[in-house]
Amino acid sequence: MAETVRIDPAAHLALVEIAREKHVSLTEALSRAVELYRREVFLEGVAGDFASLRADAGAWAEEEAEHRVWDASNADGLEHE
C-alpha cells in the first residue's frame, strides 16, 4: 500500500543521494532510514530504562545478583566451540 508523505526538500535531496549511492529506489532508501531510526529510538529507550534501574540501588542490586546467577551457568563444563 503506497502512502504519500511530505518531506523537507533538503531531506528529499539527501534521500536521492543515498538512493543513488546505494543503488536502491527512493522507497527502499526511505524504508532503510526509517528502520535505522526505529532501532535508534528503541535503543535510547533501553538505555533510559537501564539508567532508571541503575538509579534505584535496590533494583540494581537485584539485577546484578541475577547476572551472577546467569554467569555461573557459563561454567557448564563445555568447551567453547
Protein backbone atom coordinates (compact mmCIF):
# COMPACT_ATOMS: atom_id res chain seq x y z
CA MET A 1 0.00 0.00 0.00
CA ALA A 2 1.53 3.29 -1.07
CA GLU A 3 1.21 6.36 1.10
CA THR A 4 2.18 9.95 0.41
CA VAL A 5 4.47 11.68 2.88
CA ARG A 6 5.73 15.25 2.54
CA ILE A 7 9.36 15.75 3.48
CA ASP A 8 11.66 18.74 3.63
CA PRO A 9 13.38 19.46 0.28
CA ALA A 10 16.81 19.03 1.89
CA ALA A 11 15.76 15.63 3.24
CA HIS A 12 14.49 14.64 -0.21
CA LEU A 13 17.79 15.65 -1.78
CA ALA A 14 19.71 13.63 0.82
CA LEU A 15 17.43 10.66 0.19
CA VAL A 16 18.03 10.90 -3.56
CA GLU A 17 21.79 10.99 -2.98
CA ILE A 18 21.65 8.00 -0.63
CA ALA A 19 19.47 6.00 -3.03
CA ARG A 20 21.82 6.76 -5.91
CA GLU A 21 24.92 5.85 -3.85
CA LYS A 22 23.37 2.58 -2.63
CA HIS A 23 21.76 1.73 -5.98
CA VAL A 24 18.29 1.37 -4.47
CA SER A 25 14.94 3.03 -5.04
CA LEU A 26 13.85 6.06 -3.05
CA THR A 27 11.28 3.84 -1.33
CA GLU A 28 13.95 1.34 -0.29
CA ALA A 29 16.29 4.09 0.90
CA LEU A 30 13.50 5.65 2.96
CA SER A 31 12.46 2.28 4.40
CA ARG A 32 16.04 1.57 5.47
CA ALA A 33 16.38 5.02 7.02
CA VAL A 34 13.15 4.60 8.97
CA GLU A 35 14.26 1.17 10.22
CA LEU A 36 17.58 2.57 11.41
CA TYR A 37 15.79 5.40 13.19
CA ARG A 38 13.32 2.95 14.75
CA ARG A 39 16.26 0.96 16.14
CA GLU A 40 17.90 4.13 17.45
CA VAL A 41 14.71 5.12 19.28
CA PHE A 42 14.38 1.60 20.70
CA LEU A 43 17.97 1.59 21.98
CA GLU A 44 17.53 5.04 23.52
CA GLY A 45 14.54 3.62 25.39
CA VAL A 46 16.56 0.63 26.59
CA ALA A 47 19.35 2.94 27.75
CA GLY A 48 16.83 5.08 29.61
CA ASP A 49 15.33 2.01 31.25
CA PHE A 50 18.76 0.84 32.42
CA ALA A 51 19.54 4.34 33.72
CA SER A 52 16.32 4.25 35.75
CA LEU A 53 17.14 0.78 37.01
CA ARG A 54 20.64 1.84 37.98
CA ALA A 55 19.28 4.88 39.83
CA ASP A 56 17.35 2.52 42.14
CA ALA A 57 20.04 0.94 44.34
CA GLY A 58 17.83 -1.98 45.43
CA ALA A 59 16.64 -2.81 41.94
CA TRP A 60 20.19 -2.56 40.58
CA ALA A 61 21.45 -4.92 43.30
CA GLU A 62 18.78 -7.43 42.25
CA GLU A 63 19.84 -7.06 38.62
CA GLU A 64 23.49 -7.69 39.48
CA ALA A 65 22.53 -10.72 41.60
CA GLU A 66 20.63 -12.15 38.63
CA HIS A 67 23.65 -11.56 36.39
CA ARG A 68 25.81 -13.53 38.81
CA VAL A 69 23.36 -16.45 38.68
CA TRP A 70 23.41 -16.44 34.89
CA ASP A 71 27.19 -16.03 34.77
CA ALA A 72 27.50 -19.22 36.82
CA SER A 73 25.75 -21.10 34.03
CA ASN A 74 28.72 -20.37 31.79
CA ALA A 75 30.73 -22.85 33.84
CA ASP A 76 28.84 -25.79 32.36
CA GLY A 77 32.00 -27.73 31.56
CA LEU A 78 31.52 -27.44 27.82
CA GLU A 79 34.40 -26.26 25.73
CA HIS A 80 33.90 -23.21 23.56
CA GLU A 81 33.32 -24.25 20.02
